Amino acid sequence: MAALPLAGPYWSARGSTGLRVLQSIAAWAMGPAAYQGGWASAAFGVLLYIGTLSAVMAAYQHLSRRFRVLVRRPVVCGALYGALMYWLIFHVFVRYFSAAVTHAHALPLEWEALCYAVYIGLIGIPCAFLARMHVMRGNG
């Protein structure tokens, strides 16, 4: 959920609402109908995002079994993984493979920078250290 607590205040300051932020995530699967679904579609957006981040974490765990450098160099590999996951999720999957209506205009640079920082520091690097702990306990 790393970026969600930041998304509400950031976009609220620009005229949006927390409800709309969550509905935007639900729109990945529901398309524009998500914006008519009220809190039900917002709750679905939360669940969809939790599922997405769970898949991101599981993928790192899986990859770390095959590529041990991912656990030997957790900061570097985790940072790269976090940045790659942000780019894949928001610039590839959401843009080209979701039901969300995406716009051709770029997001504000400060928002992109904040998201990359969050995905690097709060998703990628923790994924790497969790995988490392898993291996050190003899489970990997």
N, C-alpha and C. Protein backbone atom coordinates (compact mmCIF):
# COMPACT_ATOMS: atom_id res chain seq x y z
N MET A 1 0.83 -1.18 0.00
CA MET A 1 0.00 0.00 0.00
C MET A 1 0.87 1.24 0.00
N ALA A 2 2.12 1.07 -0.20
CA ALA A 2 3.12 2.11 0.01
C ALA A 2 2.73 3.48 -0.50
N ALA A 3 2.31 3.61 -1.73
CA ALA A 3 2.06 4.93 -2.29
C ALA A 3 0.66 5.45 -1.98
N LEU A 4 -0.25 4.59 -1.58
CA LEU A 4 -1.63 5.05 -1.36
C LEU A 4 -1.75 6.15 -0.31
N PRO A 5 -1.08 6.06 0.85
CA PRO A 5 -1.21 7.15 1.82
C PRO A 5 -0.70 8.49 1.29
N LEU A 6 0.19 8.46 0.33
CA LEU A 6 0.70 9.70 -0.26
C LEU A 6 -0.19 10.20 -1.39
N ALA A 7 -0.85 9.28 -2.07
CA ALA A 7 -1.65 9.65 -3.24
C ALA A 7 -2.84 10.53 -2.85
N GLY A 8 -3.52 10.17 -1.76
CA GLY A 8 -4.68 10.95 -1.35
C GLY A 8 -4.36 12.42 -1.12
N PRO A 9 -3.41 12.73 -0.23
CA PRO A 9 -3.08 14.14 0.01
C PRO A 9 -2.51 14.84 -1.24
N TYR A 10 -1.67 14.13 -1.99
CA TYR A 10 -1.07 14.74 -3.18
C TYR A 10 -2.15 15.16 -4.17
N TRP A 11 -3.05 14.24 -4.51
CA TRP A 11 -4.06 14.55 -5.51
C TRP A 11 -5.19 15.42 -4.94
N SER A 12 -5.43 15.35 -3.62
CA SER A 12 -6.42 16.24 -3.01
C SER A 12 -5.99 17.69 -3.14
N ALA A 13 -4.69 17.94 -3.00
CA ALA A 13 -4.17 19.30 -3.15
C ALA A 13 -4.32 19.79 -4.59
N ARG A 14 -4.59 18.89 -5.51
CA ARG A 14 -4.74 19.24 -6.93
C ARG A 14 -6.19 19.08 -7.39
N GLY A 15 -7.12 19.04 -6.42
CA GLY A 15 -8.54 19.05 -6.74
C GLY A 15 -9.23 17.70 -6.81
N SER A 16 -8.54 16.63 -6.51
CA SER A 16 -9.16 15.31 -6.53
C SER A 16 -9.53 14.90 -5.11
N THR A 17 -9.97 13.67 -4.93
CA THR A 17 -10.32 13.17 -3.61
C THR A 17 -9.69 11.80 -3.40
N GLY A 18 -9.62 11.38 -2.14
CA GLY A 18 -9.11 10.05 -1.84
C GLY A 18 -9.97 8.97 -2.47
N LEU A 19 -11.29 9.20 -2.47
CA LEU A 19 -12.22 8.27 -3.10
C LEU A 19 -11.87 8.08 -4.57
N ARG A 20 -11.61 9.17 -5.25
CA ARG A 20 -11.29 9.11 -6.68
C ARG A 20 -9.96 8.38 -6.94
N VAL A 21 -9.00 8.57 -6.05
CA VAL A 21 -7.72 7.87 -6.19
C VAL A 21 -7.94 6.36 -6.14
N LEU A 22 -8.73 5.92 -5.15
CA LEU A 22 -8.99 4.49 -5.02
C LEU A 22 -9.83 3.96 -6.18
N GLN A 23 -10.78 4.76 -6.65
CA GLN A 23 -11.57 4.36 -7.81
C GLN A 23 -10.70 4.27 -9.06
N SER A 24 -9.67 5.10 -9.14
CA SER A 24 -8.76 5.04 -10.28
C SER A 24 -8.04 3.70 -10.34
N ILE A 25 -7.73 3.15 -9.19
CA ILE A 25 -7.11 1.83 -9.16
C ILE A 25 -8.13 0.78 -9.56
N ALA A 26 -9.35 0.90 -9.04
CA ALA A 26 -10.41 -0.04 -9.43
C ALA A 26 -10.65 0.00 -10.94
N ALA A 27 -10.43 1.16 -11.54
CA ALA A 27 -10.64 1.32 -12.98
C ALA A 27 -9.68 0.45 -13.80
N TRP A 28 -8.60 -0.01 -13.19
CA TRP A 28 -7.71 -0.92 -13.91
C TRP A 28 -8.49 -2.13 -14.38
N ALA A 29 -9.43 -2.60 -13.55
CA ALA A 29 -10.21 -3.79 -13.89
C ALA A 29 -11.62 -3.44 -14.36
N MET A 30 -12.19 -2.37 -13.82
CA MET A 30 -13.59 -2.04 -14.09
C MET A 30 -13.78 -1.02 -15.20
N GLY A 31 -12.72 -0.34 -15.57
CA GLY A 31 -12.86 0.73 -16.55
C GLY A 31 -13.56 1.93 -15.95
N PRO A 32 -14.11 2.80 -16.78
CA PRO A 32 -14.75 4.02 -16.29
C PRO A 32 -15.91 3.80 -15.32
N ALA A 33 -16.50 2.61 -15.32
CA ALA A 33 -17.60 2.32 -14.39
C ALA A 33 -17.16 2.42 -12.94
N ALA A 34 -15.87 2.30 -12.68
CA ALA A 34 -15.36 2.38 -11.31
C ALA A 34 -15.71 3.72 -10.67
N TYR A 35 -15.79 4.77 -11.46
CA TYR A 35 -16.06 6.10 -10.91
C TYR A 35 -17.52 6.29 -10.52
N GLN A 36 -18.36 5.35 -10.90
CA GLN A 36 -19.78 5.41 -10.51
C GLN A 36 -20.08 4.48 -9.34
N GLY A 37 -19.09 3.74 -8.88
CA GLY A 37 -19.32 2.70 -7.88
C GLY A 37 -19.20 3.12 -6.44
N GLY A 38 -18.94 4.39 -6.19
CA GLY A 38 -18.84 4.87 -4.81
C GLY A 38 -17.75 4.16 -4.03
N TRP A 39 -18.05 3.93 -2.73
CA TRP A 39 -17.06 3.33 -1.85
C TRP A 39 -16.84 1.86 -2.16
N ALA A 40 -17.81 1.20 -2.80
CA ALA A 40 -17.62 -0.21 -3.15
C ALA A 40 -16.48 -0.35 -4.16
N SER A 41 -16.46 0.51 -5.16
CA SER A 41 -15.36 0.41 -6.13
C SER A 41 -14.05 0.90 -5.52
N ALA A 42 -14.13 1.84 -4.57
CA ALA A 42 -12.91 2.28 -3.88
C ALA A 42 -12.33 1.12 -3.07
N ALA A 43 -13.19 0.37 -2.38
CA ALA A 43 -12.73 -0.79 -1.61
C ALA A 43 -12.12 -1.83 -2.55
N PHE A 44 -12.73 -2.02 -3.70
CA PHE A 44 -12.16 -2.93 -4.69
C PHE A 44 -10.79 -2.44 -5.15
N GLY A 45 -10.63 -1.13 -5.29
CA GLY A 45 -9.34 -0.56 -5.66
C GLY A 45 -8.27 -0.87 -4.63
N VAL A 46 -8.64 -0.79 -3.35
CA VAL A 46 -7.69 -1.13 -2.28
C VAL A 46 -7.29 -2.59 -2.39
N LEU A 47 -8.27 -3.47 -2.55
CA LEU A 47 -7.97 -4.90 -2.67
C LEU A 47 -7.13 -5.21 -3.90
N LEU A 48 -7.42 -4.54 -5.00
CA LEU A 48 -6.66 -4.75 -6.22
C LEU A 48 -5.20 -4.31 -6.04
N TYR A 49 -5.01 -3.20 -5.35
CA TYR A 49 -3.65 -2.72 -5.12
C TYR A 49 -2.89 -3.64 -4.16
N ILE A 50 -3.57 -4.13 -3.12
CA ILE A 50 -2.95 -5.08 -2.21
C ILE A 50 -2.55 -6.34 -2.98
N GLY A 51 -3.42 -6.80 -3.84
CA GLY A 51 -3.10 -7.97 -4.66
C GLY A 51 -1.92 -7.73 -5.58
N THR A 52 -1.87 -6.55 -6.16
CA THR A 52 -0.77 -6.20 -7.05
C THR A 52 0.55 -6.20 -6.29
N LEU A 53 0.59 -5.55 -5.14
CA LEU A 53 1.82 -5.50 -4.36
C LEU A 53 2.19 -6.88 -3.79
N SER A 54 1.21 -7.69 -3.49
CA SER A 54 1.50 -9.06 -3.05
C SER A 54 2.16 -9.84 -4.18
N ALA A 55 1.68 -9.65 -5.40
CA ALA A 55 2.30 -10.32 -6.55
C ALA A 55 3.72 -9.82 -6.77
N VAL A 56 3.94 -8.52 -6.58
CA VAL A 56 5.29 -7.95 -6.71
C VAL A 56 6.23 -8.61 -5.70
N MET A 57 5.77 -8.75 -4.47
CA MET A 57 6.60 -9.37 -3.43
C MET A 57 6.85 -10.84 -3.73
N ALA A 58 5.81 -11.55 -4.14
CA ALA A 58 5.96 -12.97 -4.45
C ALA A 58 6.91 -13.17 -5.62
N ALA A 59 6.85 -12.30 -6.60
CA ALA A 59 7.74 -12.41 -7.76
C ALA A 59 9.20 -12.25 -7.34
N TYR A 60 9.47 -11.30 -6.44
CA TYR A 60 10.85 -11.13 -5.98
C TYR A 60 11.31 -12.39 -5.24
N GLN A 61 10.45 -12.93 -4.39
CA GLN A 61 10.79 -14.17 -3.67
C GLN A 61 11.14 -15.27 -4.66
N HIS A 62 10.31 -15.43 -5.66
CA HIS A 62 10.53 -16.47 -6.67
C HIS A 62 11.83 -16.23 -7.44
N LEU A 63 12.04 -15.01 -7.88
CA LEU A 63 13.26 -14.70 -8.64
C LEU A 63 14.52 -14.88 -7.79
N SER A 64 14.41 -14.59 -6.50
CA SER A 64 15.59 -14.68 -5.63
C SER A 64 16.07 -16.12 -5.45
N ARG A 65 15.20 -17.07 -5.67
CA ARG A 65 15.62 -18.48 -5.59
C ARG A 65 16.51 -18.85 -6.77
N ARG A 66 16.27 -18.22 -7.87
CA ARG A 66 17.03 -18.54 -9.09
C ARG A 66 18.26 -17.65 -9.25
N PHE A 67 18.11 -16.38 -8.90
CA PHE A 67 19.19 -15.41 -9.06
C PHE A 67 19.62 -14.93 -7.67
N ARG A 68 20.61 -15.58 -7.11
CA ARG A 68 21.03 -15.31 -5.73
C ARG A 68 21.59 -13.91 -5.52
N VAL A 69 21.98 -13.26 -6.59
CA VAL A 69 22.46 -11.87 -6.44
C VAL A 69 21.36 -11.00 -5.84
N LEU A 70 20.12 -11.36 -6.04
CA LEU A 70 19.00 -10.58 -5.51
C LEU A 70 18.98 -10.56 -3.99
N VAL A 71 19.54 -11.60 -3.36
CA VAL A 71 19.63 -11.60 -1.90
C VAL A 71 21.02 -11.21 -1.40
N ARG A 72 22.02 -11.37 -2.25
CA ARG A 72 23.38 -10.96 -1.85
C ARG A 72 23.54 -9.45 -1.88
N ARG A 73 22.84 -8.77 -2.77
CA ARG A 73 22.90 -7.31 -2.92
C ARG A 73 21.49 -6.72 -2.78
N PRO A 74 20.93 -6.79 -1.57
CA PRO A 74 19.52 -6.39 -1.42
C PRO A 74 19.22 -4.93 -1.68
N VAL A 75 20.13 -4.04 -1.34
CA VAL A 75 19.83 -2.62 -1.53
C VAL A 75 19.83 -2.26 -3.01
N VAL A 76 20.88 -2.64 -3.70
CA VAL A 76 20.97 -2.31 -5.13
C VAL A 76 19.89 -3.04 -5.92
N CYS A 77 19.80 -4.35 -5.71
CA CYS A 77 18.82 -5.13 -6.48
C CYS A 77 17.39 -4.75 -6.11
N GLY A 78 17.15 -4.53 -4.83
CA GLY A 78 15.81 -4.11 -4.40
C GLY A 78 15.43 -2.76 -4.97
N ALA A 79 16.37 -1.83 -4.99
CA ALA A 79 16.09 -0.50 -5.55
C ALA A 79 15.77 -0.60 -7.04
N LEU A 80 16.57 -1.36 -7.75
CA LEU A 80 16.30 -1.54 -9.19
C LEU A 80 14.97 -2.24 -9.42
N TYR A 81 14.68 -3.23 -8.61
CA TYR A 81 13.42 -3.97 -8.72
C TYR A 81 12.24 -3.04 -8.45
N GLY A 82 12.33 -2.24 -7.40
CA GLY A 82 11.25 -1.31 -7.09
C GLY A 82 10.99 -0.34 -8.22
N ALA A 83 12.05 0.23 -8.78
CA ALA A 83 11.89 1.16 -9.90
C ALA A 83 11.29 0.46 -11.11
N LEU A 84 11.77 -0.75 -11.38
CA LEU A 84 11.24 -1.52 -12.51
C LEU A 84 9.76 -1.84 -12.30
N MET A 85 9.38 -2.21 -11.08
CA MET A 85 7.98 -2.54 -10.82
C MET A 85 7.08 -1.32 -10.99
N TYR A 86 7.53 -0.16 -10.51
CA TYR A 86 6.71 1.05 -10.72
C TYR A 86 6.51 1.28 -12.21
N TRP A 87 7.60 1.22 -12.97
CA TRP A 87 7.51 1.47 -14.41
C TRP A 87 6.60 0.44 -15.08
N LEU A 88 6.78 -0.85 -14.75
CA LEU A 88 5.95 -1.88 -15.37
C LEU A 88 4.48 -1.72 -15.02
N ILE A 89 4.19 -1.49 -13.76
CA ILE A 89 2.79 -1.38 -13.34
C ILE A 89 2.12 -0.18 -13.98
N PHE A 90 2.72 0.99 -13.84
CA PHE A 90 2.03 2.21 -14.24
C PHE A 90 2.30 2.68 -15.66
N HIS A 91 3.42 2.29 -16.23
CA HIS A 91 3.73 2.75 -17.58
C HIS A 91 3.55 1.67 -18.63
N VAL A 92 3.36 0.43 -18.20
CA VAL A 92 3.11 -0.64 -19.17
C VAL A 92 1.75 -1.27 -18.90
N PHE A 93 1.60 -1.96 -17.75
CA PHE A 93 0.37 -2.70 -17.50
C PHE A 93 -0.87 -1.81 -17.46
N VAL A 94 -0.85 -0.77 -16.64
CA VAL A 94 -2.03 0.09 -16.53
C VAL A 94 -2.30 0.80 -17.86
N ARG A 95 -1.26 1.26 -18.49
CA ARG A 95 -1.42 2.03 -19.72
C ARG A 95 -1.90 1.17 -20.89
N TYR A 96 -1.36 -0.03 -21.01
CA TYR A 96 -1.64 -0.82 -22.21
C TYR A 96 -2.52 -2.05 -22.01
N PHE A 97 -2.63 -2.54 -20.78
CA PHE A 97 -3.34 -3.79 -20.57
C PHE A 97 -4.52 -3.71 -19.61
N SER A 98 -4.80 -2.56 -19.07
CA SER A 98 -5.92 -2.48 -18.12
C SER A 98 -7.14 -1.87 -18.81
N ALA A 99 -8.24 -1.89 -18.08
CA ALA A 99 -9.47 -1.30 -18.58
C ALA A 99 -9.52 0.20 -18.31
N ALA A 100 -8.53 0.71 -17.59
CA ALA A 100 -8.50 2.14 -17.26
C ALA A 100 -8.31 2.96 -18.52
N VAL A 101 -8.97 4.08 -18.56
CA VAL A 101 -8.77 5.01 -19.67
C VAL A 101 -7.57 5.86 -19.30
N THR A 102 -6.49 5.71 -20.06
CA THR A 102 -5.29 6.48 -19.76
C THR A 102 -5.19 7.65 -20.72
N HIS A 103 -4.52 8.64 -20.27
CA HIS A 103 -4.37 9.85 -21.07
C HIS A 103 -2.94 9.94 -21.59
N ALA A 104 -2.79 10.56 -22.72
CA ALA A 104 -1.48 10.65 -23.35
C ALA A 104 -0.54 11.59 -22.59
N HIS A 105 -1.10 12.52 -21.79
CA HIS A 105 -0.23 13.48 -21.10
C HIS A 105 0.52 12.81 -19.95
N ALA A 106 1.68 13.32 -19.69
CA ALA A 106 2.52 12.77 -18.64
C ALA A 106 2.04 13.24 -17.27
N LEU A 107 2.32 12.44 -16.27
CA LEU A 107 2.03 12.83 -14.90
C LEU A 107 3.05 13.88 -14.47
N PRO A 108 2.71 14.69 -13.46
CA PRO A 108 3.67 15.68 -12.99
C PRO A 108 4.99 15.03 -12.55
N LEU A 109 6.07 15.67 -12.88
CA LEU A 109 7.40 15.13 -12.58
C LEU A 109 7.58 14.86 -11.10
N GLU A 110 7.08 15.76 -10.23
CA GLU A 110 7.26 15.54 -8.79
C GLU A 110 6.48 14.31 -8.32
N TRP A 111 5.33 14.03 -8.94
CA TRP A 111 4.56 12.84 -8.59
C TRP A 111 5.32 11.58 -9.04
N GLU A 112 5.84 11.60 -10.25
CA GLU A 112 6.61 10.45 -10.75
C GLU A 112 7.83 10.21 -9.85
N ALA A 113 8.54 11.26 -9.49
CA ALA A 113 9.73 11.12 -8.64
C ALA A 113 9.34 10.55 -7.28
N LEU A 114 8.27 11.03 -6.70
CA LEU A 114 7.80 10.54 -5.42
C LEU A 114 7.42 9.06 -5.52
N CYS A 115 6.73 8.67 -6.57
CA CYS A 115 6.34 7.28 -6.75
C CYS A 115 7.54 6.37 -6.92
N TYR A 116 8.50 6.81 -7.72
CA TYR A 116 9.72 6.01 -7.87
C TYR A 116 10.42 5.85 -6.52
N ALA A 117 10.51 6.93 -5.76
CA ALA A 117 11.16 6.86 -4.45
C ALA A 117 10.44 5.90 -3.52
N VAL A 118 9.12 5.94 -3.54
CA VAL A 118 8.33 5.04 -2.70
C VAL A 118 8.52 3.59 -3.13
N TYR A 119 8.45 3.35 -4.43
CA TYR A 119 8.61 1.97 -4.91
C TYR A 119 10.03 1.44 -4.67
N ILE A 120 11.00 2.30 -4.72
CA ILE A 120 12.37 1.88 -4.43
C ILE A 120 12.53 1.62 -2.93
N GLY A 121 12.17 2.61 -2.11
CA GLY A 121 12.44 2.54 -0.68
C GLY A 121 11.46 1.74 0.15
N LEU A 122 10.20 1.69 -0.27
CA LEU A 122 9.19 1.02 0.56
C LEU A 122 8.65 -0.28 -0.04
N ILE A 123 9.06 -0.57 -1.27
CA ILE A 123 8.60 -1.82 -1.90
C ILE A 123 9.80 -2.66 -2.33
N GLY A 124 10.64 -2.14 -3.21
CA GLY A 124 11.74 -2.92 -3.76
C GLY A 124 12.75 -3.37 -2.72
N ILE A 125 13.28 -2.44 -1.95
CA ILE A 125 14.30 -2.79 -0.95
C ILE A 125 13.71 -3.70 0.14
N PRO A 126 12.53 -3.41 0.67
CA PRO A 126 11.96 -4.37 1.63
C PRO A 126 11.72 -5.76 1.03
N CYS A 127 11.32 -5.83 -0.23
CA CYS A 127 11.18 -7.15 -0.88
C CYS A 127 12.49 -7.90 -0.84
N ALA A 128 13.57 -7.20 -1.14
CA ALA A 128 14.89 -7.83 -1.16
C ALA A 128 15.30 -8.30 0.23
N PHE A 129 15.07 -7.50 1.24
CA PHE A 129 15.45 -7.91 2.60
C PHE A 129 14.56 -9.03 3.11
N LEU A 130 13.30 -9.04 2.75
CA LEU A 130 12.43 -10.16 3.13
C LEU A 130 12.88 -11.45 2.46
N ALA A 131 13.25 -11.36 1.20
CA ALA A 131 13.77 -12.54 0.49
C ALA A 131 15.07 -13.01 1.14
N ARG A 132 15.90 -12.08 1.52
CA ARG A 132 17.16 -12.43 2.16
C ARG A 132 16.92 -13.13 3.50
N MET A 133 15.99 -12.61 4.29
CA MET A 133 15.65 -13.25 5.56
C MET A 133 15.12 -14.66 5.33
N HIS A 134 14.32 -14.80 4.30
CA HIS A 134 13.75 -16.11 3.96
C HIS A 134 14.87 -17.11 3.64
N VAL A 135 15.86 -16.68 2.87
CA VAL A 135 16.99 -17.54 2.51
C VAL A 135 17.84 -17.85 3.74
N MET A 136 18.08 -16.84 4.57
CA MET A 136 18.93 -17.04 5.75
C MET A 136 18.29 -18.02 6.75
N ARG A 137 16.98 -18.09 6.75
CA ARG A 137 16.29 -19.03 7.64
C ARG A 137 16.23 -20.44 7.05
N GLY A 138 16.81 -20.59 5.86
CA GLY A 138 16.85 -21.90 5.23
C GLY A 138 15.60 -22.25 4.45
N ASN A 139 14.78 -21.25 4.15
CA ASN A 139 13.52 -21.51 3.42
C ASN A 139 13.65 -21.22 1.93
N GLY A 140 14.80 -20.81 1.49
CA GLY A 140 14.91 -20.44 0.09
C GLY A 140 15.92 -21.25 -0.57
